[in-house]
Amino acid sequence: MITLIIVDDHDLVREGIRRLIEDKKGIKVVAEGKSGEEAIALAKEYDPDVILMDVRMPGIGGLEATRKINRVYPDIKILNVTACSGDPYPSLLLEAGSSGFITKESDIDEIEHAIRVISAGQKYLSPAIAQQIALNKLNPDSSGNGPFSELSDREMQIAMMIVSCKKTQDISDALFLSPKTISTYRHRLFEKLKIQGDVELTLLAIKHGLLDPGETT
């Protein structure tokens, strides 16, 4: 029996996946969470085989949660969900210890297949994501990720927290870094992206598909 935790900040998404996946033999949903912080706590409490986790969530988000879970519980396999195949997250998440990726367009059969593949110790990439990663390696200039592909995983994490309206102290508390360190990261990522402030960062994130306009309201 494969034990599964579903982590997504949208109640309807979690409930929909749970109802569909529980119809599949050999997979049991043991818990649900709404944030990266909850994913870490649930990993400790339930020690599941697989965590199905969205990348973009409130708080520390899926990237930092993946890194922390992999560091402490390396036997737990993490299947991340990205908004689209052009997201810069897959490469960053592979480095953080993710076992696989699917997009939000994936149907339940692909989700089930991905869960079984990574629970068996293999990697799984949705075809569209695998193709995008391959194309980016062959021709980095063709990447749809734009300037965000230049950021380190930590810089990307902080950038996404900034566009989620997190203040410096909130980011500092969530990542266990000093406010001064967060300010340094902020300055560095602004330089890499050639922008002047949070508003420009938000507009750039929307332009490159990393943030839905509705998420800023």
N, C-alpha and C. Protein backbone atom coordinates (compact mmCIF):
# COMPACT_ATOMS: atom_id res chain seq x y z
N MET A 1 0.84 -1.20 0.00
CA MET A 1 0.00 0.00 0.00
C MET A 1 0.88 1.25 0.00
N ILE A 2 0.66 2.13 -0.96
CA ILE A 2 1.39 3.39 -1.03
C ILE A 2 0.63 4.44 -0.23
N THR A 3 1.28 5.00 0.80
CA THR A 3 0.65 6.06 1.59
C THR A 3 0.99 7.41 0.98
N LEU A 4 -0.02 8.27 0.90
CA LEU A 4 0.11 9.53 0.16
C LEU A 4 -0.40 10.71 0.98
N ILE A 5 0.31 11.82 0.93
CA ILE A 5 -0.15 13.09 1.48
C ILE A 5 -0.32 14.06 0.32
N ILE A 6 -1.44 14.77 0.30
CA ILE A 6 -1.72 15.75 -0.75
C ILE A 6 -1.59 17.15 -0.14
N VAL A 7 -0.77 18.01 -0.76
CA VAL A 7 -0.56 19.36 -0.25
C VAL A 7 -0.82 20.37 -1.35
N ASP A 8 -1.87 21.17 -1.16
CA ASP A 8 -2.26 22.20 -2.12
C ASP A 8 -3.10 23.22 -1.36
N ASP A 9 -2.91 24.49 -1.66
CA ASP A 9 -3.64 25.51 -0.91
C ASP A 9 -5.08 25.70 -1.38
N HIS A 10 -5.48 24.98 -2.43
CA HIS A 10 -6.86 25.06 -2.90
C HIS A 10 -7.64 23.82 -2.43
N ASP A 11 -8.68 24.05 -1.64
CA ASP A 11 -9.45 22.96 -1.07
C ASP A 11 -10.06 22.06 -2.15
N LEU A 12 -10.59 22.67 -3.20
CA LEU A 12 -11.25 21.90 -4.25
C LEU A 12 -10.26 20.99 -4.98
N VAL A 13 -9.05 21.48 -5.17
CA VAL A 13 -8.02 20.67 -5.84
C VAL A 13 -7.69 19.46 -4.99
N ARG A 14 -7.44 19.69 -3.71
CA ARG A 14 -7.09 18.57 -2.82
C ARG A 14 -8.22 17.55 -2.75
N GLU A 15 -9.43 18.04 -2.57
CA GLU A 15 -10.57 17.13 -2.45
C GLU A 15 -10.79 16.35 -3.74
N GLY A 16 -10.63 17.03 -4.88
CA GLY A 16 -10.82 16.35 -6.16
C GLY A 16 -9.80 15.26 -6.39
N ILE A 17 -8.53 15.57 -6.11
CA ILE A 17 -7.49 14.55 -6.28
C ILE A 17 -7.71 13.39 -5.32
N ARG A 18 -8.07 13.72 -4.08
CA ARG A 18 -8.27 12.66 -3.08
C ARG A 18 -9.38 11.70 -3.52
N ARG A 19 -10.49 12.23 -3.95
CA ARG A 19 -11.62 11.37 -4.34
C ARG A 19 -11.25 10.47 -5.51
N LEU A 20 -10.52 11.04 -6.46
CA LEU A 20 -10.16 10.27 -7.64
C LEU A 20 -9.07 9.23 -7.35
N ILE A 21 -8.08 9.63 -6.57
CA ILE A 21 -6.94 8.73 -6.34
C ILE A 21 -7.31 7.60 -5.40
N GLU A 22 -8.26 7.83 -4.50
CA GLU A 22 -8.65 6.78 -3.57
C GLU A 22 -9.43 5.66 -4.24
N ASP A 23 -9.86 5.89 -5.49
CA ASP A 23 -10.49 4.83 -6.26
C ASP A 23 -9.46 3.87 -6.85
N LYS A 24 -8.20 4.24 -6.78
CA LYS A 24 -7.13 3.42 -7.34
C LYS A 24 -6.63 2.44 -6.28
N LYS A 25 -6.47 1.20 -6.67
CA LYS A 25 -6.03 0.17 -5.73
C LYS A 25 -4.59 0.41 -5.30
N GLY A 26 -4.34 0.19 -4.03
CA GLY A 26 -2.98 0.23 -3.53
C GLY A 26 -2.46 1.61 -3.17
N ILE A 27 -3.32 2.63 -3.19
CA ILE A 27 -2.92 3.98 -2.80
C ILE A 27 -3.87 4.50 -1.73
N LYS A 28 -3.33 4.98 -0.63
CA LYS A 28 -4.16 5.48 0.46
C LYS A 28 -3.72 6.89 0.85
N VAL A 29 -4.66 7.83 0.80
CA VAL A 29 -4.39 9.21 1.23
C VAL A 29 -4.50 9.25 2.75
N VAL A 30 -3.41 9.60 3.42
CA VAL A 30 -3.39 9.58 4.88
C VAL A 30 -3.55 10.97 5.49
N ALA A 31 -3.31 12.02 4.69
CA ALA A 31 -3.44 13.38 5.23
C ALA A 31 -3.42 14.39 4.08
N GLU A 32 -3.87 15.61 4.42
CA GLU A 32 -3.85 16.72 3.46
C GLU A 32 -3.28 17.95 4.13
N GLY A 33 -2.64 18.83 3.34
CA GLY A 33 -2.09 20.07 3.87
C GLY A 33 -2.30 21.21 2.90
N LYS A 34 -2.13 22.45 3.41
CA LYS A 34 -2.38 23.63 2.60
C LYS A 34 -1.13 24.47 2.34
N SER A 35 0.00 24.10 2.93
CA SER A 35 1.19 24.93 2.80
C SER A 35 2.45 24.09 2.93
N GLY A 36 3.58 24.71 2.61
CA GLY A 36 4.85 24.02 2.77
C GLY A 36 5.13 23.67 4.22
N GLU A 37 4.76 24.57 5.12
CA GLU A 37 4.96 24.30 6.54
C GLU A 37 4.16 23.08 6.99
N GLU A 38 2.91 22.99 6.53
CA GLU A 38 2.09 21.83 6.88
C GLU A 38 2.66 20.56 6.26
N ALA A 39 3.21 20.66 5.07
CA ALA A 39 3.81 19.48 4.43
C ALA A 39 4.93 18.92 5.29
N ILE A 40 5.76 19.80 5.84
CA ILE A 40 6.88 19.36 6.68
C ILE A 40 6.36 18.69 7.96
N ALA A 41 5.36 19.31 8.58
CA ALA A 41 4.79 18.75 9.81
C ALA A 41 4.13 17.40 9.55
N LEU A 42 3.42 17.28 8.44
CA LEU A 42 2.73 16.04 8.11
C LEU A 42 3.72 14.94 7.74
N ALA A 43 4.82 15.33 7.11
CA ALA A 43 5.87 14.34 6.79
C ALA A 43 6.39 13.71 8.06
N LYS A 44 6.61 14.53 9.07
CA LYS A 44 7.10 14.03 10.35
C LYS A 44 6.06 13.15 11.04
N GLU A 45 4.80 13.56 10.98
CA GLU A 45 3.74 12.84 11.69
C GLU A 45 3.39 11.51 11.04
N TYR A 46 3.32 11.48 9.70
CA TYR A 46 2.81 10.29 9.01
C TYR A 46 3.87 9.46 8.31
N ASP A 47 5.04 10.05 8.03
CA ASP A 47 6.09 9.34 7.30
C ASP A 47 5.52 8.61 6.08
N PRO A 48 4.92 9.35 5.14
CA PRO A 48 4.28 8.72 3.98
C PRO A 48 5.30 8.22 2.96
N ASP A 49 4.82 7.44 2.03
CA ASP A 49 5.68 7.02 0.92
C ASP A 49 5.88 8.15 -0.08
N VAL A 50 4.79 8.89 -0.34
CA VAL A 50 4.81 9.95 -1.35
C VAL A 50 4.07 11.18 -0.84
N ILE A 51 4.60 12.35 -1.18
CA ILE A 51 3.89 13.61 -0.96
C ILE A 51 3.64 14.24 -2.32
N LEU A 52 2.37 14.45 -2.64
CA LEU A 52 1.98 15.15 -3.87
C LEU A 52 1.81 16.62 -3.50
N MET A 53 2.69 17.49 -3.97
CA MET A 53 2.73 18.86 -3.46
C MET A 53 2.81 19.91 -4.55
N ASP A 54 1.93 20.88 -4.45
CA ASP A 54 1.97 22.02 -5.35
C ASP A 54 3.24 22.82 -5.09
N VAL A 55 3.70 23.52 -6.10
CA VAL A 55 4.92 24.32 -5.95
C VAL A 55 4.59 25.69 -5.38
N ARG A 56 3.57 26.32 -5.92
CA ARG A 56 3.24 27.69 -5.53
C ARG A 56 2.15 27.68 -4.47
N MET A 57 2.55 27.94 -3.23
CA MET A 57 1.63 27.96 -2.10
C MET A 57 2.03 29.07 -1.14
N PRO A 58 1.14 29.43 -0.22
CA PRO A 58 1.49 30.44 0.78
C PRO A 58 2.64 29.95 1.66
N GLY A 59 3.27 30.88 2.37
CA GLY A 59 4.35 30.51 3.28
C GLY A 59 5.63 30.21 2.52
N ILE A 60 6.33 29.17 2.94
CA ILE A 60 7.62 28.87 2.33
C ILE A 60 7.47 28.24 0.95
N GLY A 61 6.28 27.74 0.61
CA GLY A 61 6.05 27.19 -0.71
C GLY A 61 6.64 25.80 -0.91
N GLY A 62 6.39 25.25 -2.08
CA GLY A 62 6.79 23.87 -2.36
C GLY A 62 8.28 23.66 -2.53
N LEU A 63 8.99 24.67 -3.01
CA LEU A 63 10.42 24.51 -3.24
C LEU A 63 11.18 24.34 -1.93
N GLU A 64 10.97 25.26 -1.01
CA GLU A 64 11.68 25.17 0.28
C GLU A 64 11.22 23.96 1.06
N ALA A 65 9.91 23.65 1.00
CA ALA A 65 9.40 22.47 1.71
C ALA A 65 10.03 21.19 1.16
N THR A 66 10.18 21.12 -0.16
CA THR A 66 10.83 19.95 -0.78
C THR A 66 12.26 19.79 -0.27
N ARG A 67 12.98 20.90 -0.24
CA ARG A 67 14.36 20.86 0.23
C ARG A 67 14.45 20.36 1.68
N LYS A 68 13.59 20.90 2.53
CA LYS A 68 13.66 20.56 3.96
C LYS A 68 13.22 19.11 4.21
N ILE A 69 12.18 18.67 3.52
CA ILE A 69 11.72 17.29 3.70
C ILE A 69 12.78 16.31 3.21
N ASN A 70 13.37 16.61 2.05
CA ASN A 70 14.39 15.72 1.50
C ASN A 70 15.61 15.64 2.41
N ARG A 71 15.94 16.75 3.07
CA ARG A 71 17.10 16.77 3.94
C ARG A 71 16.89 15.90 5.19
N VAL A 72 15.66 15.96 5.75
CA VAL A 72 15.39 15.26 7.01
C VAL A 72 14.80 13.87 6.79
N TYR A 73 13.97 13.73 5.74
CA TYR A 73 13.30 12.46 5.46
C TYR A 73 13.58 12.03 4.02
N PRO A 74 14.80 11.64 3.71
CA PRO A 74 15.18 11.34 2.33
C PRO A 74 14.43 10.18 1.69
N ASP A 75 13.80 9.33 2.50
CA ASP A 75 13.07 8.20 1.94
C ASP A 75 11.68 8.58 1.44
N ILE A 76 11.20 9.74 1.83
CA ILE A 76 9.89 10.20 1.35
C ILE A 76 10.05 10.76 -0.06
N LYS A 77 9.27 10.26 -0.99
CA LYS A 77 9.32 10.72 -2.37
C LYS A 77 8.35 11.89 -2.55
N ILE A 78 8.80 12.90 -3.25
CA ILE A 78 7.98 14.09 -3.46
C ILE A 78 7.66 14.26 -4.93
N LEU A 79 6.37 14.32 -5.23
CA LEU A 79 5.88 14.56 -6.59
C LEU A 79 5.33 15.98 -6.62
N ASN A 80 6.01 16.87 -7.33
CA ASN A 80 5.59 18.26 -7.37
C ASN A 80 4.67 18.55 -8.53
N VAL A 81 3.79 19.52 -8.31
CA VAL A 81 2.85 19.95 -9.34
C VAL A 81 3.19 21.37 -9.74
N THR A 82 3.47 21.59 -11.02
CA THR A 82 3.78 22.92 -11.52
C THR A 82 2.63 23.45 -12.37
N ALA A 83 2.58 24.77 -12.47
CA ALA A 83 1.47 25.39 -13.20
C ALA A 83 1.54 25.10 -14.69
N CYS A 84 2.74 25.07 -15.23
CA CYS A 84 2.89 24.83 -16.66
C CYS A 84 4.28 24.28 -16.94
N SER A 85 4.46 23.73 -18.11
CA SER A 85 5.73 23.11 -18.46
C SER A 85 6.87 24.10 -18.56
N GLY A 86 6.54 25.39 -18.74
CA GLY A 86 7.58 26.41 -18.89
C GLY A 86 8.08 26.98 -17.59
N ASP A 87 7.54 26.56 -16.46
CA ASP A 87 8.01 27.05 -15.17
C ASP A 87 9.50 26.77 -14.99
N PRO A 88 10.21 27.67 -14.29
CA PRO A 88 11.62 27.41 -14.00
C PRO A 88 11.80 26.46 -12.84
N TYR A 89 10.72 26.09 -12.17
CA TYR A 89 10.83 25.28 -10.95
C TYR A 89 11.39 23.88 -11.14
N PRO A 90 11.04 23.12 -12.18
CA PRO A 90 11.52 21.74 -12.25
C PRO A 90 13.02 21.56 -12.04
N SER A 91 13.83 22.35 -12.70
CA SER A 91 15.28 22.21 -12.53
C SER A 91 15.70 22.53 -11.10
N LEU A 92 15.08 23.56 -10.52
CA LEU A 92 15.41 23.93 -9.15
C LEU A 92 14.97 22.83 -8.18
N LEU A 93 13.82 22.25 -8.43
CA LEU A 93 13.30 21.22 -7.54
C LEU A 93 14.08 19.92 -7.65
N LEU A 94 14.59 19.61 -8.83
CA LEU A 94 15.44 18.43 -8.97
C LEU A 94 16.66 18.56 -8.06
N GLU A 95 17.21 19.76 -8.03
CA GLU A 95 18.36 20.01 -7.16
C GLU A 95 17.96 19.92 -5.69
N ALA A 96 16.71 20.26 -5.39
CA ALA A 96 16.23 20.25 -3.99
C ALA A 96 15.82 18.86 -3.53
N GLY A 97 15.76 17.89 -4.46
CA GLY A 97 15.45 16.52 -4.07
C GLY A 97 14.10 16.00 -4.52
N SER A 98 13.43 16.71 -5.41
CA SER A 98 12.14 16.23 -5.91
C SER A 98 12.32 14.94 -6.71
N SER A 99 11.32 14.07 -6.63
CA SER A 99 11.36 12.80 -7.37
C SER A 99 10.60 12.87 -8.69
N GLY A 100 9.82 13.93 -8.89
CA GLY A 100 9.08 14.01 -10.14
C GLY A 100 8.20 15.23 -10.24
N PHE A 101 7.68 15.45 -11.46
CA PHE A 101 6.85 16.61 -11.72
C PHE A 101 5.69 16.25 -12.64
N ILE A 102 4.57 16.84 -12.35
CA ILE A 102 3.43 16.80 -13.27
C ILE A 102 2.91 18.22 -13.38
N THR A 103 2.13 18.50 -14.41
CA THR A 103 1.52 19.81 -14.53
C THR A 103 0.08 19.74 -14.06
N LYS A 104 -0.52 20.89 -13.87
CA LYS A 104 -1.90 20.93 -13.40
C LYS A 104 -2.88 20.47 -14.47
N GLU A 105 -2.37 20.26 -15.68
CA GLU A 105 -3.22 19.72 -16.75
C GLU A 105 -3.22 18.19 -16.75
N SER A 106 -2.41 17.58 -15.90
CA SER A 106 -2.31 16.11 -15.88
C SER A 106 -3.63 15.49 -15.44
N ASP A 107 -4.01 14.38 -16.10
CA ASP A 107 -5.23 13.69 -15.69
C ASP A 107 -4.92 12.70 -14.57
N ILE A 108 -5.97 12.09 -14.02
CA ILE A 108 -5.78 11.22 -12.86
C ILE A 108 -4.95 9.98 -13.19
N ASP A 109 -5.04 9.51 -14.42
CA ASP A 109 -4.24 8.34 -14.79
C ASP A 109 -2.75 8.66 -14.75
N GLU A 110 -2.38 9.86 -15.22
CA GLU A 110 -0.97 10.23 -15.17
C GLU A 110 -0.52 10.44 -13.73
N ILE A 111 -1.38 11.06 -12.91
CA ILE A 111 -1.05 11.26 -11.49
C ILE A 111 -0.79 9.91 -10.82
N GLU A 112 -1.70 8.95 -11.07
CA GLU A 112 -1.54 7.62 -10.48
C GLU A 112 -0.23 6.98 -10.95
N HIS A 113 0.03 7.07 -12.25
CA HIS A 113 1.24 6.46 -12.79
C HIS A 113 2.49 7.09 -12.17
N ALA A 114 2.47 8.42 -12.06
CA ALA A 114 3.63 9.12 -11.48
C ALA A 114 3.86 8.71 -10.03
N ILE A 115 2.79 8.58 -9.27
CA ILE A 115 2.91 8.16 -7.86
C ILE A 115 3.54 6.78 -7.77
N ARG A 116 3.09 5.86 -8.61
CA ARG A 116 3.63 4.50 -8.57
C ARG A 116 5.09 4.46 -9.02
N VAL A 117 5.42 5.26 -10.02
CA VAL A 117 6.80 5.28 -10.53
C VAL A 117 7.76 5.79 -9.46
N ILE A 118 7.44 6.93 -8.83
CA ILE A 118 8.39 7.48 -7.87
C ILE A 118 8.40 6.69 -6.57
N SER A 119 7.28 6.05 -6.22
CA SER A 119 7.28 5.23 -5.00
C SER A 119 8.18 4.00 -5.18
N ALA A 120 8.41 3.63 -6.44
CA ALA A 120 9.30 2.50 -6.74
C ALA A 120 10.76 2.93 -6.84
N GLY A 121 11.01 4.21 -6.55
CA GLY A 121 12.38 4.70 -6.53
C GLY A 121 12.88 5.30 -7.83
N GLN A 122 11.99 5.52 -8.80
CA GLN A 122 12.39 6.10 -10.07
C GLN A 122 11.94 7.56 -10.14
N LYS A 123 12.44 8.27 -11.12
CA LYS A 123 12.03 9.65 -11.36
C LYS A 123 10.88 9.66 -12.38
N TYR A 124 10.03 10.69 -12.26
CA TYR A 124 8.97 10.84 -13.26
C TYR A 124 8.85 12.31 -13.67
N LEU A 125 8.82 12.55 -14.96
CA LEU A 125 8.60 13.88 -15.50
C LEU A 125 7.48 13.81 -16.53
N SER A 126 6.51 14.69 -16.40
CA SER A 126 5.50 14.78 -17.45
C SER A 126 6.20 15.05 -18.78
N PRO A 127 5.71 14.46 -19.87
CA PRO A 127 6.38 14.64 -21.16
C PRO A 127 6.68 16.08 -21.52
N ALA A 128 5.72 16.98 -21.26
CA ALA A 128 5.91 18.39 -21.62
C ALA A 128 7.05 19.00 -20.82
N ILE A 129 7.15 18.63 -19.53
CA ILE A 129 8.22 19.16 -18.68
C ILE A 129 9.56 18.59 -19.11
N ALA A 130 9.60 17.29 -19.38
CA ALA A 130 10.85 16.65 -19.82
C ALA A 130 11.35 17.30 -21.11
N GLN A 131 10.43 17.57 -22.02
CA GLN A 131 10.80 18.20 -23.29
C GLN A 131 11.36 19.60 -23.06
N GLN A 132 10.72 20.35 -22.17
CA GLN A 132 11.17 21.71 -21.91
C GLN A 132 12.55 21.73 -21.28
N ILE A 133 12.80 20.83 -20.33
CA ILE A 133 14.11 20.75 -19.70
C ILE A 133 15.18 20.40 -20.74
N ALA A 134 14.86 19.44 -21.60
CA ALA A 134 15.80 19.04 -22.65
C ALA A 134 16.10 20.19 -23.60
N LEU A 135 15.07 20.93 -23.99
CA LEU A 135 15.26 22.06 -24.90
C LEU A 135 16.08 23.16 -24.24
N ASN A 136 15.83 23.39 -22.96
CA ASN A 136 16.58 24.43 -22.25
C ASN A 136 18.06 24.09 -22.18
N LYS A 137 18.36 22.79 -21.99
CA LYS A 137 19.77 22.38 -21.92
C LYS A 137 20.44 22.52 -23.28
N LEU A 138 19.68 22.22 -24.35
CA LEU A 138 20.25 22.31 -25.69
C LEU A 138 20.44 23.75 -26.12
N ASN A 139 19.48 24.59 -25.72
CA ASN A 139 19.51 25.99 -26.14
C ASN A 139 18.96 26.87 -25.03
N PRO A 140 19.76 27.25 -24.07
CA PRO A 140 19.28 28.03 -22.94
C PRO A 140 18.59 29.32 -23.35
N ASP A 141 19.00 29.91 -24.46
CA ASP A 141 18.40 31.16 -24.90
C ASP A 141 16.95 31.00 -25.32
N SER A 142 16.53 29.74 -25.60
CA SER A 142 15.15 29.51 -26.04
C SER A 142 14.21 29.27 -24.87
N SER A 143 14.73 29.25 -23.66
CA SER A 143 13.92 28.95 -22.48
C SER A 143 12.82 29.96 -22.31
N GLY A 144 11.63 29.48 -21.99
CA GLY A 144 10.50 30.36 -21.72
C GLY A 144 10.54 30.92 -20.31
N ASN A 145 11.56 30.58 -19.53
CA ASN A 145 11.62 31.03 -18.16
C ASN A 145 12.12 32.45 -18.03
N GLY A 146 12.72 32.98 -19.10
CA GLY A 146 13.18 34.34 -19.07
C GLY A 146 14.23 34.57 -18.00
N PRO A 147 14.27 35.77 -17.45
CA PRO A 147 15.31 36.13 -16.50
C PRO A 147 15.29 35.33 -15.20
N PHE A 148 14.16 34.72 -14.87
CA PHE A 148 14.07 33.96 -13.62
C PHE A 148 14.99 32.73 -13.62
N SER A 149 15.34 32.27 -14.80
CA SER A 149 16.23 31.11 -14.88
C SER A 149 17.63 31.43 -14.38
N GLU A 150 17.93 32.73 -14.22
CA GLU A 150 19.24 33.15 -13.73
C GLU A 150 19.32 33.12 -12.20
N LEU A 151 18.18 32.99 -11.54
CA LEU A 151 18.16 33.03 -10.08
C LEU A 151 18.55 31.69 -9.47
N SER A 152 19.19 31.74 -8.32
CA SER A 152 19.44 30.51 -7.56
C SER A 152 18.13 30.04 -6.95
N ASP A 153 18.10 28.82 -6.43
CA ASP A 153 16.85 28.33 -5.85
C ASP A 153 16.42 29.18 -4.66
N ARG A 154 17.38 29.65 -3.84
CA ARG A 154 17.02 30.50 -2.71
C ARG A 154 16.49 31.84 -3.17
N GLU A 155 17.12 32.41 -4.19
CA GLU A 155 16.64 33.68 -4.72
C GLU A 155 15.24 33.54 -5.31
N MET A 156 14.99 32.42 -6.00
CA MET A 156 13.66 32.17 -6.54
C MET A 156 12.63 32.05 -5.42
N GLN A 157 13.00 31.34 -4.36
CA GLN A 157 12.11 31.17 -3.22
C GLN A 157 11.72 32.52 -2.62
N ILE A 158 12.70 33.36 -2.42
CA ILE A 158 12.45 34.68 -1.83
C ILE A 158 11.66 35.56 -2.79
N ALA A 159 11.97 35.47 -4.07
CA ALA A 159 11.22 36.26 -5.06
C ALA A 159 9.75 35.91 -5.03
N MET A 160 9.43 34.61 -4.96
CA MET A 160 8.04 34.20 -4.95
C MET A 160 7.33 34.58 -3.64
N MET A 161 8.07 34.65 -2.56
CA MET A 161 7.48 35.10 -1.30
C MET A 161 7.22 36.60 -1.33
N ILE A 162 8.11 37.34 -2.00
CA ILE A 162 7.90 38.78 -2.14
C ILE A 162 6.64 39.07 -2.94
N VAL A 163 6.46 38.38 -4.07
CA VAL A 163 5.28 38.63 -4.89
C VAL A 163 4.00 38.10 -4.24
N SER A 164 4.16 37.28 -3.20
CA SER A 164 3.00 36.84 -2.42
C SER A 164 2.73 37.79 -1.26
N CYS A 165 3.36 38.98 -1.33
CA CYS A 165 3.14 40.06 -0.36
C CYS A 165 3.70 39.77 1.03
N LYS A 166 4.72 38.92 1.10
CA LYS A 166 5.36 38.66 2.38
C LYS A 166 6.37 39.78 2.69
N LYS A 167 6.34 40.26 3.92
CA LYS A 167 7.28 41.28 4.35
C LYS A 167 8.63 40.64 4.68
N THR A 168 9.65 41.49 4.78
CA THR A 168 11.00 40.97 5.06
C THR A 168 11.03 40.14 6.33
N GLN A 169 10.37 40.61 7.39
CA GLN A 169 10.38 39.88 8.65
C GLN A 169 9.66 38.53 8.51
N ASP A 170 8.56 38.52 7.74
CA ASP A 170 7.83 37.26 7.52
C ASP A 170 8.72 36.24 6.80
N ILE A 171 9.44 36.70 5.78
CA ILE A 171 10.33 35.81 5.03
C ILE A 171 11.45 35.33 5.93
N SER A 172 11.98 36.26 6.73
CA SER A 172 13.05 35.92 7.67
C SER A 172 12.62 34.83 8.63
N ASP A 173 11.42 34.97 9.19
CA ASP A 173 10.90 33.99 10.14
C ASP A 173 10.67 32.64 9.47
N ALA A 174 10.12 32.66 8.25
CA ALA A 174 9.78 31.41 7.56
C ALA A 174 11.02 30.63 7.15
N LEU A 175 12.07 31.34 6.75
CA LEU A 175 13.27 30.68 6.23
C LEU A 175 14.39 30.58 7.25
N PHE A 176 14.14 31.09 8.46
CA PHE A 176 15.15 31.03 9.53
C PHE A 176 16.45 31.72 9.11
N LEU A 177 16.28 32.87 8.45
CA LEU A 177 17.40 33.71 8.06
C LEU A 177 17.21 35.09 8.66
N SER A 178 18.28 35.82 8.85
CA SER A 178 18.16 37.15 9.43
C SER A 178 17.53 38.12 8.42
N PRO A 179 16.84 39.17 8.90
CA PRO A 179 16.30 40.17 7.99
C PRO A 179 17.37 40.78 7.09
N LYS A 180 18.59 40.95 7.64
CA LYS A 180 19.68 41.50 6.84
C LYS A 180 20.03 40.57 5.67
N THR A 181 20.02 39.25 5.93
CA THR A 181 20.31 38.28 4.86
C THR A 181 19.22 38.31 3.80
N ILE A 182 17.97 38.43 4.23
CA ILE A 182 16.86 38.51 3.28
C ILE A 182 17.01 39.76 2.42
N SER A 183 17.37 40.88 3.04
CA SER A 183 17.56 42.12 2.28
C SER A 183 18.68 41.98 1.26
N THR A 184 19.73 41.26 1.63
CA THR A 184 20.83 41.02 0.70
C THR A 184 20.37 40.19 -0.49
N TYR A 185 19.61 39.13 -0.22
CA TYR A 185 19.06 38.32 -1.31
C TYR A 185 18.15 39.15 -2.20
N ARG A 186 17.33 39.99 -1.59
CA ARG A 186 16.39 40.83 -2.35
C ARG A 186 17.17 41.74 -3.29
N HIS A 187 18.20 42.39 -2.78
CA HIS A 187 19.02 43.29 -3.60
C HIS A 187 19.68 42.53 -4.74
N ARG A 188 20.18 41.34 -4.44
CA ARG A 188 20.88 40.54 -5.45
C ARG A 188 19.93 40.10 -6.56
N LEU A 189 18.74 39.63 -6.19
CA LEU A 189 17.82 39.15 -7.23
C LEU A 189 17.28 40.32 -8.05
N PHE A 190 17.11 41.49 -7.42
CA PHE A 190 16.69 42.67 -8.18
C PHE A 190 17.75 43.03 -9.23
N GLU A 191 19.03 42.90 -8.83
CA GLU A 191 20.11 43.19 -9.78
C GLU A 191 20.10 42.21 -10.94
N LYS A 192 19.92 40.92 -10.64
CA LYS A 192 19.91 39.90 -11.70
C LYS A 192 18.75 40.10 -12.66
N LEU A 193 17.60 40.50 -12.10
CA LEU A 193 16.41 40.67 -12.93
C LEU A 193 16.33 42.05 -13.57
N LYS A 194 17.26 42.94 -13.15
CA LYS A 194 17.31 44.31 -13.69
C LYS A 194 16.01 45.07 -13.42
N ILE A 195 15.56 44.98 -12.18
CA ILE A 195 14.35 45.68 -11.77
C ILE A 195 14.66 46.52 -10.54
N GLN A 196 13.69 47.40 -10.19
CA GLN A 196 13.92 48.36 -9.13
C GLN A 196 13.15 48.09 -7.84
N GLY A 197 12.09 47.27 -7.90
CA GLY A 197 11.32 47.09 -6.69
C GLY A 197 10.29 45.97 -6.79
N ASP A 198 9.47 45.85 -5.74
CA ASP A 198 8.51 44.75 -5.64
C ASP A 198 7.45 44.78 -6.73
N VAL A 199 7.02 45.99 -7.11
CA VAL A 199 5.99 46.10 -8.15
C VAL A 199 6.50 45.55 -9.48
N GLU A 200 7.72 45.93 -9.83
CA GLU A 200 8.31 45.42 -11.07
C GLU A 200 8.51 43.92 -11.01
N LEU A 201 8.88 43.41 -9.82
CA LEU A 201 9.04 41.96 -9.66
C LEU A 201 7.73 41.24 -9.89
N THR A 202 6.66 41.79 -9.33
CA THR A 202 5.34 41.18 -9.50
C THR A 202 4.91 41.18 -10.96
N LEU A 203 5.11 42.29 -11.64
CA LEU A 203 4.75 42.37 -13.06
C LEU A 203 5.57 41.39 -13.89
N LEU A 204 6.83 41.24 -13.55
CA LEU A 204 7.70 40.31 -14.27
C LEU A 204 7.26 38.87 -14.04
N ALA A 205 6.86 38.56 -12.80
CA ALA A 205 6.39 37.21 -12.47
C ALA A 205 5.11 36.89 -13.24
N ILE A 206 4.23 37.86 -13.36
CA ILE A 206 2.99 37.66 -14.14
C ILE A 206 3.32 37.46 -15.62
N LYS A 207 4.22 38.26 -16.13
CA LYS A 207 4.60 38.19 -17.55
C LYS A 207 5.15 36.82 -17.92
N HIS A 208 5.91 36.20 -17.00
CA HIS A 208 6.54 34.92 -17.31
C HIS A 208 5.77 33.73 -16.75
N GLY A 209 4.52 33.96 -16.38
CA GLY A 209 3.64 32.86 -15.99
C GLY A 209 3.89 32.28 -14.63
N LEU A 210 4.62 32.98 -13.76
CA LEU A 210 4.91 32.47 -12.43
C LEU A 210 3.88 32.94 -11.41
N LEU A 211 3.02 33.86 -11.82
CA LEU A 211 2.02 34.40 -10.90
C LEU A 211 0.79 34.76 -11.70
N ASP A 212 -0.37 34.33 -11.22
CA ASP A 212 -1.62 34.70 -11.85
C ASP A 212 -1.99 36.11 -11.39
N PRO A 213 -2.51 36.95 -12.28
CA PRO A 213 -2.88 38.31 -11.88
C PRO A 213 -3.81 38.32 -10.67
N GLY A 214 -4.71 37.34 -10.57
CA GLY A 214 -5.65 37.28 -9.45
C GLY A 214 -4.99 37.04 -8.12
N GLU A 215 -3.77 36.50 -8.12
CA GLU A 215 -3.08 36.21 -6.87
C GLU A 215 -2.54 37.47 -6.21
N THR A 216 -2.54 38.57 -6.93
CA THR A 216 -1.99 39.81 -6.37
C THR A 216 -3.07 40.66 -5.72
N THR A 217 -4.32 40.24 -5.81
CA THR A 217 -5.41 41.03 -5.27
C THR A 217 -5.77 40.57 -3.88
